[in-house]
Protein backbone atom coordinates (compact mmCIF):
# COMPACT_ATOMS: atom_id res chain seq x y z
CA MET A 1 -0.22 0.03 0.13
CA ASN A 2 1.47 3.37 -0.92
CA GLN A 3 2.31 5.74 1.93
CA PRO A 4 1.24 9.23 1.81
CA ALA A 5 3.82 12.10 0.92
CA HIS A 6 5.79 13.27 3.88
CA PRO A 7 4.08 16.21 5.60
CA LEU A 8 7.31 18.28 5.73
CA ALA A 9 7.55 17.97 1.99
CA ARG A 10 3.93 18.77 1.35
CA SER A 11 4.46 22.10 3.21
CA ARG A 12 7.28 22.96 0.78
CA GLY A 13 5.43 22.13 -2.43
CA GLY A 14 5.28 25.64 -3.72
CA SER A 15 7.10 26.04 -6.76
CA ARG A 16 8.23 22.35 -7.29
CA SER A 17 6.30 19.84 -9.22
CA ARG A 18 4.79 17.06 -7.33
CA ALA A 19 6.92 13.91 -7.33
CA THR A 20 5.42 10.77 -8.86
CA HIS A 21 6.95 8.26 -6.49
CA SER A 22 5.37 7.02 -3.33
CA LEU A 23 7.22 7.38 -0.10
CA ALA A 24 7.45 3.58 0.14
CA ALA A 25 9.13 3.44 -3.21
CA VAL A 26 11.71 6.18 -2.24
CA LEU A 27 12.48 4.33 1.04
CA ALA A 28 12.88 0.94 -0.73
CA GLU A 29 15.33 2.35 -3.12
CA ALA A 30 17.14 4.28 -0.29
CA VAL A 31 17.50 0.99 1.74
CA ALA A 32 18.77 -0.79 -1.44
CA LEU A 33 21.30 1.97 -2.00
CA LEU A 34 22.36 1.76 1.59
CA ASP A 35 22.63 -2.06 1.53
CA GLU A 36 24.89 -1.75 -1.52
CA HIS A 37 27.09 1.18 -0.58
CA GLY A 38 26.58 2.12 3.17
CA ALA A 39 25.62 5.24 4.76
CA GLN A 40 28.35 7.26 2.78
CA GLY A 41 26.74 6.03 -0.50
CA LEU A 42 23.31 7.51 0.25
CA THR A 43 23.05 10.91 -1.18
CA LEU A 44 19.76 12.67 -2.61
CA ARG A 45 21.36 12.93 -6.08
CA ALA A 46 22.33 9.21 -6.03
CA LEU A 47 18.88 8.19 -4.91
CA ALA A 48 17.15 10.47 -7.37
CA ALA A 49 19.25 8.91 -10.19
CA ARG A 50 17.94 5.46 -9.26
CA LEU A 51 14.40 6.72 -9.07
CA GLY A 52 14.71 8.47 -12.47
CA GLY A 53 14.28 12.09 -11.44
CA GLY A 54 15.84 15.04 -9.95
CA ALA A 55 17.15 15.55 -6.42
CA ALA A 56 14.71 18.38 -5.78
CA SER A 57 11.78 15.96 -6.21
CA LEU A 58 12.93 14.10 -3.07
CA TYR A 59 12.12 17.24 -0.92
CA TRP A 60 8.46 16.38 -1.42
CA TYR A 61 9.08 13.41 0.99
CA VAL A 62 12.02 14.34 3.22
CA SER A 63 13.59 17.55 4.53
CA GLY A 64 17.06 16.19 3.86
CA ARG A 65 19.56 13.44 3.97
CA ASP A 66 19.41 13.06 7.74
CA GLU A 67 15.46 12.40 7.74
CA LEU A 68 15.92 10.24 4.86
CA LEU A 69 18.46 7.88 6.83
CA ASP A 70 16.15 7.91 9.77
CA LEU A 71 13.00 6.94 7.74
CA ALA A 72 15.09 4.37 5.82
CA ALA A 73 16.18 2.68 9.04
CA ASP A 74 12.59 2.91 10.29
CA SER A 75 11.09 1.22 7.31
CA VAL A 76 13.49 -1.93 7.91
CA LEU A 77 12.25 -2.01 11.44
CA GLY A 78 8.69 -1.79 10.13
CA GLY A 79 9.42 -5.15 8.43
CA VAL A 80 10.48 -6.53 11.75
CA LEU A 81 7.14 -5.39 13.26
CA ILE A 82 5.15 -7.07 10.44
CA SER A 83 7.26 -10.49 10.90
CA VAL A 84 6.52 -10.67 14.65
CA ALA A 85 2.90 -9.37 14.42
CA ASP A 86 1.58 -13.08 15.33
CA VAL A 87 4.14 -13.73 17.92
CA ARG A 88 2.16 -14.40 21.10
CA THR A 89 2.64 -17.58 23.23
CA ASP A 90 2.00 -18.28 26.85
CA ASP A 91 5.80 -17.53 27.55
CA PRO A 92 6.68 -13.85 27.41
CA ILE A 93 10.50 -14.85 27.80
CA ALA A 94 10.14 -17.00 24.57
CA ASP A 95 8.44 -14.18 22.72
CA LEU A 96 11.13 -11.60 23.74
CA ARG A 97 13.61 -14.02 22.33
CA THR A 98 11.79 -14.35 19.12
CA ILE A 99 11.38 -10.58 18.68
CA ALA A 100 14.82 -9.80 19.63
CA VAL A 101 16.19 -12.46 17.17
CA ALA A 102 14.04 -11.03 14.37
CA MET A 103 15.33 -7.53 15.15
CA PHE A 104 19.02 -8.87 15.03
CA ASP A 105 18.74 -10.59 11.95
CA ALA A 106 17.43 -7.41 10.24
CA ILE A 107 20.23 -5.30 11.56
CA VAL A 108 23.27 -7.65 11.61
CA ASP A 109 23.82 -7.81 7.83
CA ARG A 110 23.39 -4.11 7.45
CA PRO A 111 26.48 -2.27 8.69
CA TRP A 112 24.88 1.03 8.15
CA LEU A 113 21.59 0.31 10.21
CA GLY A 114 22.84 0.08 13.66
CA ALA A 115 23.71 3.78 13.85
CA TYR A 116 20.08 4.78 12.83
CA ALA A 117 17.85 2.16 14.20
CA MET A 118 15.74 3.85 16.95
CA ARG A 119 17.81 7.06 16.76
CA ASN A 120 14.75 9.24 16.97
CA THR A 121 11.65 7.48 17.73
CA ALA A 122 9.74 10.99 17.44
CA ALA A 123 10.55 10.68 13.69
CA GLN A 124 10.49 6.81 13.44
CA PRO A 125 6.99 5.53 14.19
CA ASN A 126 7.88 1.89 13.50
CA SER A 127 10.78 2.18 15.88
CA LEU A 128 8.57 3.44 18.64
CA ARG A 129 6.05 0.70 17.91
CA LEU A 130 8.64 -2.01 18.02
CA TYR A 131 9.98 -0.57 21.48
CA GLU A 132 6.33 -0.68 22.55
CA ARG A 133 5.99 -4.23 21.44
CA ILE A 134 8.97 -5.37 23.28
CA GLY A 135 7.87 -3.47 26.29
CA GLU A 136 4.35 -5.06 26.22
CA GLU A 137 6.08 -8.53 26.60
CA THR A 138 7.70 -7.30 29.82
CA MET A 139 4.32 -6.18 31.14
CA ARG A 140 3.29 -9.84 31.12
CA LEU A 141 6.09 -10.44 33.78
CA PRO A 142 5.68 -9.62 37.62
CA LEU A 143 8.06 -6.56 37.44
CA THR A 144 7.81 -2.97 38.55
CA ALA A 145 7.62 -0.22 35.94
CA ARG A 146 11.37 0.70 36.49
CA GLU A 147 12.39 -2.85 36.04
CA ARG A 148 10.25 -3.13 32.91
CA PHE A 149 11.98 0.09 31.49
CA HIS A 150 15.35 -1.22 32.30
CA ALA A 151 14.52 -4.66 30.85
CA THR A 152 13.16 -3.29 27.62
CA SER A 153 16.14 -0.89 27.18
CA ALA A 154 18.61 -3.79 27.94
CA VAL A 155 17.10 -5.99 25.33
CA VAL A 156 16.99 -3.14 22.73
CA GLY A 157 20.47 -2.08 23.66
CA PHE A 158 21.85 -5.56 23.43
CA VAL A 159 20.32 -6.40 20.07
CA ILE A 160 21.31 -3.20 18.28
CA GLY A 161 24.77 -2.91 19.84
CA THR A 162 25.56 -6.52 19.25
CA ALA A 163 24.19 -6.55 15.62
CA ALA A 164 26.02 -3.26 14.81
CA ASP A 165 29.37 -4.69 16.25
CA MET A 166 28.91 -8.00 14.39
CA GLY A 167 27.74 -6.35 11.30
CA GLN A 168 30.80 -4.11 10.89
CA GLU A 169 32.44 -4.11 7.42
CA PRO A 170 35.36 -6.72 7.53
CA PRO A 171 39.00 -5.54 7.43
CA ALA A 172 40.11 -4.24 4.10
CA GLU A 173 42.16 -7.29 3.35
CA VAL A 174 39.12 -9.55 3.74
CA VAL A 175 37.00 -7.27 1.60
CA SER A 176 39.58 -7.10 -1.22
CA GLY A 177 39.86 -10.95 -1.17
CA GLU A 178 43.66 -10.91 -0.09
CA VAL A 179 42.73 -13.33 2.72
CA SER A 180 39.68 -15.20 3.52
CA ARG A 181 37.55 -14.66 6.64
CA ASP A 182 38.84 -18.10 7.89
CA GLU A 183 42.42 -17.17 7.28
CA TYR A 184 41.84 -13.71 9.02
CA MET A 185 40.20 -15.40 12.02
CA ALA A 186 42.99 -18.04 12.24
CA ARG A 187 45.76 -15.35 12.26
CA ALA A 188 43.79 -13.40 14.98
CA THR A 189 43.54 -16.56 17.01
CA ALA A 190 47.30 -17.40 16.72
CA GLN A 191 48.10 -13.88 17.92
CA TRP A 192 45.95 -14.39 20.84
CA ARG A 193 47.61 -17.77 21.54
CA ALA A 194 50.96 -16.13 21.48
CA LEU A 195 49.96 -13.63 24.39
CA ASP A 196 51.61 -14.24 27.65
CA ALA A 197 49.06 -16.31 29.69
CA THR A 198 50.19 -14.46 32.90
CA ASP A 199 49.13 -11.00 31.58
CA TYR A 200 46.05 -12.42 29.61
CA PRO A 201 44.65 -15.34 31.65
CA PHE A 202 41.03 -14.77 30.36
CA ILE A 203 42.04 -14.58 26.72
CA HIS A 204 43.92 -17.96 27.14
CA HIS A 205 40.91 -19.34 29.00
CA ILE A 206 38.52 -18.73 26.03
CA VAL A 207 40.79 -18.70 22.95
CA ASP A 208 39.45 -22.12 21.92
CA GLU A 209 35.83 -20.84 22.01
CA PHE A 210 36.88 -17.84 20.10
CA ALA A 211 38.63 -19.90 17.39
CA GLY A 212 35.52 -21.78 16.56
CA HIS A 213 32.68 -19.41 17.36
CA ASP A 214 29.76 -18.46 15.15
CA ASP A 215 28.43 -14.84 15.55
CA ARG A 216 24.97 -15.76 15.60
CA ASP A 217 25.32 -18.52 17.97
CA GLN A 218 27.37 -15.85 20.31
CA PHE A 219 24.35 -13.41 20.03
CA ARG A 220 21.82 -16.07 20.89
CA ALA A 221 23.83 -17.27 23.82
CA GLY A 222 24.26 -13.73 25.19
CA LEU A 223 20.58 -13.07 24.66
CA ASP A 224 19.64 -16.23 26.60
CA LEU A 225 21.85 -15.06 29.47
CA LEU A 226 20.17 -11.78 29.47
CA LEU A 227 16.74 -13.15 29.39
CA ALA A 228 17.64 -15.67 32.07
CA GLY A 229 18.43 -12.93 34.28
CA LEU A 230 15.12 -11.10 33.52
CA GLU A 231 13.26 -14.24 34.16
CA LEU A 232 15.10 -14.62 37.47
CA ARG A 233 14.18 -11.15 38.56
CA ALA A 234 10.48 -11.76 37.55
CA GLN A 235 10.39 -14.85 39.76
CA GLY A 236 11.64 -12.66 42.66
CA GLY A 237 15.36 -13.74 42.75
CA ARG A 238 18.25 -11.48 42.65
CA ALA A 239 21.23 -12.17 40.44
């Protein structure tokens, strides 16, 4: 369904001809451009060229590049909202896990998205609804308002922060194909093993785990620890 033209742009309509694209189409192309080239590759001129028009026509929809980035990020989170619309079991912890994983999957493969997801909920209605959706799951647990606020913020922060960290662009030598990801990780592991165990006891303790870890498994394990703590708190325990 086509979305209405952005109200900021309508107020500027004056001497400019009305754009022929829907806001949904503009944001879809903006997301595609961001996925291909990152935040630095999204300019109004580049986007207009993809849409087959002039950059001035985009001001019908957005006030500028910053708002475009916010709305593009929000459109991706809108997809997450749709994907979890029917998530409702008798276990709020399980539902929180499902929503968090869906959100993580949407962000982790988009290095640009972590910086803009939920950056400004006043301008990002889907982000606000997703925050609300996660918060409503915590309302099914016997917690105080403060605990629910902290729990919701912790889940959102863990998802976005971990996804942004894991979704960073690989080192230049991996991107160029000079070395494979496996070769790069093997080299990093060897460097960790070579550290003095007296100075780095923890690194030596976990280096075998690091050597064979999978990023998504690592995220899920961390999420399970976070949710286990939340469940313990809801049961009246104290970590």
